[in-house]
Structures are given as structure tokens and as C-alpha cells.
């Protein structure tokens, strides 16, 4: 069985991206956590904001920060 490699991006106005060599649960969780830390550092997301979450769309291969 062949597993396709993927690159996940956020919005077009952001340069963040994440390479996914596989779609394992650990790697997906890692990718979402990296994106959240990116949003904290680059976009002013409050680290204490537990209502904001990351939405992973595996159809479009994008991440979106939801509030």
C-alpha cells in the first residue's frame, strides 16, 4: 500500500506550512500543535485562549484557527 505525502498550509496570507510524511494520529496532532504555536508567536493568539482551536481539513489539506 502506498501512502501519499502531504503538505498542509494555513491561509494564503500566511507562510506557515507543515510536511506530513504520513497521516498517523501522532503526526497530525504534532502538526496541529505546531500550527497553534505559530499562531501564538506570529499572529498574537493568547496562549491561555482555550476556546480557540485548530481545524484540520484533510480534503483541502489546510489548517484553520477557529475562535
N, C-alpha and C. Protein backbone atom coordinates (compact mmCIF):
# COMPACT_ATOMS: atom_id res chain seq x y z
N UNK A 1 0.84 -1.18 0.00
CA UNK A 1 0.00 0.00 0.00
C UNK A 1 0.88 1.24 0.00
N UNK A 2 0.59 2.17 -0.86
CA UNK A 2 1.36 3.40 -0.97
C UNK A 2 0.62 4.53 -0.24
N UNK A 3 1.36 5.25 0.63
CA UNK A 3 0.79 6.40 1.33
C UNK A 3 1.37 7.66 0.71
N UNK A 4 0.50 8.56 0.31
CA UNK A 4 0.92 9.80 -0.33
C UNK A 4 1.39 10.80 0.72
N UNK A 5 2.47 11.51 0.45
CA UNK A 5 2.96 12.56 1.34
C UNK A 5 2.17 13.83 1.10
N UNK A 6 2.00 14.64 2.13
CA UNK A 6 1.19 15.85 2.02
C UNK A 6 1.88 17.03 2.67
N UNK A 7 1.56 18.19 2.18
CA UNK A 7 1.96 19.43 2.82
C UNK A 7 0.67 20.15 3.19
N UNK A 8 0.56 20.54 4.45
CA UNK A 8 -0.62 21.23 4.95
C UNK A 8 -0.27 22.70 5.13
N UNK A 9 -1.15 23.58 4.66
CA UNK A 9 -0.94 25.02 4.77
C UNK A 9 -2.05 25.66 5.56
N UNK A 10 -1.78 26.86 6.03
CA UNK A 10 -2.85 27.65 6.65
C UNK A 10 -3.42 28.57 5.58
N UNK A 11 -3.84 29.76 5.95
CA UNK A 11 -4.46 30.67 4.99
C UNK A 11 -3.44 31.17 3.96
N UNK A 12 -3.90 31.63 2.80
CA UNK A 12 -2.99 32.09 1.75
C UNK A 12 -2.10 33.27 2.16
N UNK A 13 -2.53 34.08 3.13
CA UNK A 13 -1.73 35.24 3.54
C UNK A 13 -0.72 34.89 4.64
N UNK A 14 -0.53 33.61 4.92
CA UNK A 14 0.40 33.17 5.95
C UNK A 14 1.38 32.19 5.33
N UNK A 15 2.64 32.28 5.74
CA UNK A 15 3.68 31.44 5.13
C UNK A 15 3.90 30.12 5.86
N UNK A 16 3.06 29.78 6.82
CA UNK A 16 3.24 28.56 7.60
C UNK A 16 2.84 27.34 6.77
N UNK A 17 3.60 26.28 6.92
CA UNK A 17 3.29 25.02 6.26
C UNK A 17 3.87 23.87 7.06
N UNK A 18 3.37 22.68 6.84
CA UNK A 18 3.79 21.50 7.59
C UNK A 18 3.84 20.31 6.64
N UNK A 19 4.95 19.62 6.60
CA UNK A 19 5.09 18.43 5.78
C UNK A 19 4.60 17.22 6.56
N UNK A 20 3.73 16.43 5.97
CA UNK A 20 3.23 15.22 6.60
C UNK A 20 3.69 14.00 5.81
N UNK A 21 4.70 13.31 6.29
CA UNK A 21 5.14 12.12 5.58
C UNK A 21 4.13 10.98 5.69
N UNK A 22 3.25 11.06 6.69
CA UNK A 22 2.18 10.09 6.84
C UNK A 22 1.03 10.76 7.57
N UNK A 23 -0.09 10.09 7.63
CA UNK A 23 -1.27 10.67 8.29
C UNK A 23 -1.56 9.97 9.62
N UNK A 24 -0.50 9.63 10.34
CA UNK A 24 -0.69 8.99 11.64
C UNK A 24 -1.27 10.00 12.63
N UNK A 25 -1.96 9.49 13.64
CA UNK A 25 -2.57 10.36 14.64
C UNK A 25 -1.53 11.22 15.34
N UNK A 26 -0.38 10.65 15.67
CA UNK A 26 0.68 11.41 16.34
C UNK A 26 1.17 12.56 15.47
N UNK A 27 1.39 12.28 14.20
CA UNK A 27 1.90 13.32 13.29
C UNK A 27 0.86 14.40 13.06
N UNK A 28 -0.41 14.04 12.94
CA UNK A 28 -1.48 15.03 12.78
C UNK A 28 -1.58 15.92 14.02
N UNK A 29 -1.51 15.32 15.21
CA UNK A 29 -1.55 16.10 16.44
C UNK A 29 -0.36 17.05 16.55
N UNK A 30 0.80 16.57 16.15
CA UNK A 30 2.02 17.38 16.15
C UNK A 30 1.88 18.57 15.20
N UNK A 31 1.34 18.33 14.04
CA UNK A 31 1.14 19.38 13.04
C UNK A 31 0.18 20.45 13.58
N UNK A 32 -0.91 20.04 14.18
CA UNK A 32 -1.88 20.99 14.75
C UNK A 32 -1.26 21.79 15.89
N UNK A 33 -0.48 21.13 16.74
CA UNK A 33 0.18 21.83 17.85
C UNK A 33 1.20 22.84 17.33
N UNK A 34 1.98 22.46 16.30
CA UNK A 34 2.95 23.38 15.70
C UNK A 34 2.24 24.60 15.13
N UNK A 35 1.10 24.39 14.49
CA UNK A 35 0.34 25.49 13.90
C UNK A 35 -0.17 26.42 15.00
N UNK A 36 -0.67 25.86 16.10
CA UNK A 36 -1.15 26.68 17.22
C UNK A 36 -0.02 27.54 17.77
N UNK A 37 1.17 26.96 17.96
CA UNK A 37 2.31 27.73 18.45
C UNK A 37 2.73 28.80 17.44
N UNK A 38 2.62 28.50 16.17
CA UNK A 38 2.89 29.51 15.14
C UNK A 38 1.94 30.68 15.30
N UNK A 39 0.65 30.40 15.52
CA UNK A 39 -0.35 31.46 15.67
C UNK A 39 -0.09 32.29 16.93
N UNK A 40 0.39 31.65 17.99
CA UNK A 40 0.73 32.38 19.21
C UNK A 40 1.89 33.33 18.94
N UNK A 41 2.93 32.84 18.26
CA UNK A 41 4.12 33.65 18.01
C UNK A 41 3.96 34.71 16.93
N UNK A 42 3.25 34.40 15.87
CA UNK A 42 3.18 35.30 14.71
C UNK A 42 1.89 36.09 14.59
N UNK A 43 0.81 35.59 15.16
CA UNK A 43 -0.49 36.23 14.95
C UNK A 43 -1.16 36.71 16.23
N UNK A 44 -0.42 36.66 17.34
CA UNK A 44 -0.92 37.22 18.58
C UNK A 44 -1.97 36.41 19.31
N UNK A 45 -2.09 35.14 19.00
CA UNK A 45 -3.04 34.30 19.73
C UNK A 45 -2.58 34.20 21.17
N UNK A 46 -3.49 34.41 22.10
CA UNK A 46 -3.18 34.30 23.52
C UNK A 46 -3.00 32.83 23.86
N UNK A 47 -1.85 32.45 24.46
CA UNK A 47 -1.62 31.04 24.79
C UNK A 47 -2.64 30.48 25.77
N UNK A 48 -3.28 31.35 26.53
CA UNK A 48 -4.29 30.92 27.51
C UNK A 48 -5.66 30.72 26.87
N UNK A 49 -5.82 31.10 25.62
CA UNK A 49 -7.12 31.02 24.94
C UNK A 49 -7.45 29.57 24.61
N UNK A 50 -8.22 28.95 25.45
CA UNK A 50 -8.59 27.56 25.26
C UNK A 50 -9.84 27.41 24.39
N UNK A 51 -10.48 28.52 24.04
CA UNK A 51 -11.65 28.46 23.16
C UNK A 51 -11.25 28.43 21.69
N UNK A 52 -10.03 28.86 21.40
CA UNK A 52 -9.53 28.80 20.02
C UNK A 52 -9.00 27.39 19.78
N UNK A 53 -9.34 26.84 18.63
CA UNK A 53 -8.85 25.51 18.31
C UNK A 53 -8.47 25.46 16.84
N UNK A 54 -7.75 24.44 16.49
CA UNK A 54 -7.26 24.25 15.13
C UNK A 54 -8.16 23.26 14.41
N UNK A 55 -8.62 23.64 13.23
CA UNK A 55 -9.44 22.75 12.40
C UNK A 55 -8.58 22.23 11.26
N UNK A 56 -8.46 20.94 11.17
CA UNK A 56 -7.68 20.29 10.11
C UNK A 56 -8.64 19.77 9.06
N UNK A 57 -8.47 20.21 7.83
CA UNK A 57 -9.31 19.78 6.71
C UNK A 57 -8.45 18.87 5.82
N UNK A 58 -8.72 17.56 5.87
CA UNK A 58 -7.92 16.62 5.09
C UNK A 58 -8.39 16.48 3.65
N UNK A 59 -9.44 17.19 3.28
CA UNK A 59 -9.85 17.23 1.89
C UNK A 59 -9.02 18.29 1.17
N UNK A 60 -8.93 19.47 1.78
CA UNK A 60 -8.18 20.58 1.20
C UNK A 60 -6.73 20.64 1.70
N UNK A 61 -6.39 19.84 2.71
CA UNK A 61 -5.07 19.87 3.35
C UNK A 61 -4.73 21.26 3.86
N UNK A 62 -5.61 21.79 4.69
CA UNK A 62 -5.40 23.11 5.29
C UNK A 62 -5.70 23.04 6.78
N UNK A 63 -5.12 23.98 7.50
CA UNK A 63 -5.40 24.18 8.91
C UNK A 63 -5.99 25.57 9.07
N UNK A 64 -6.99 25.70 9.94
CA UNK A 64 -7.61 26.99 10.19
C UNK A 64 -7.73 27.16 11.69
N UNK A 65 -7.36 28.32 12.19
CA UNK A 65 -7.53 28.62 13.60
C UNK A 65 -8.96 29.12 13.78
N UNK A 66 -9.71 28.41 14.61
CA UNK A 66 -11.12 28.76 14.84
C UNK A 66 -11.25 29.41 16.22
N UNK A 67 -12.07 30.41 16.30
CA UNK A 67 -12.33 31.06 17.59
C UNK A 67 -13.78 30.94 17.93
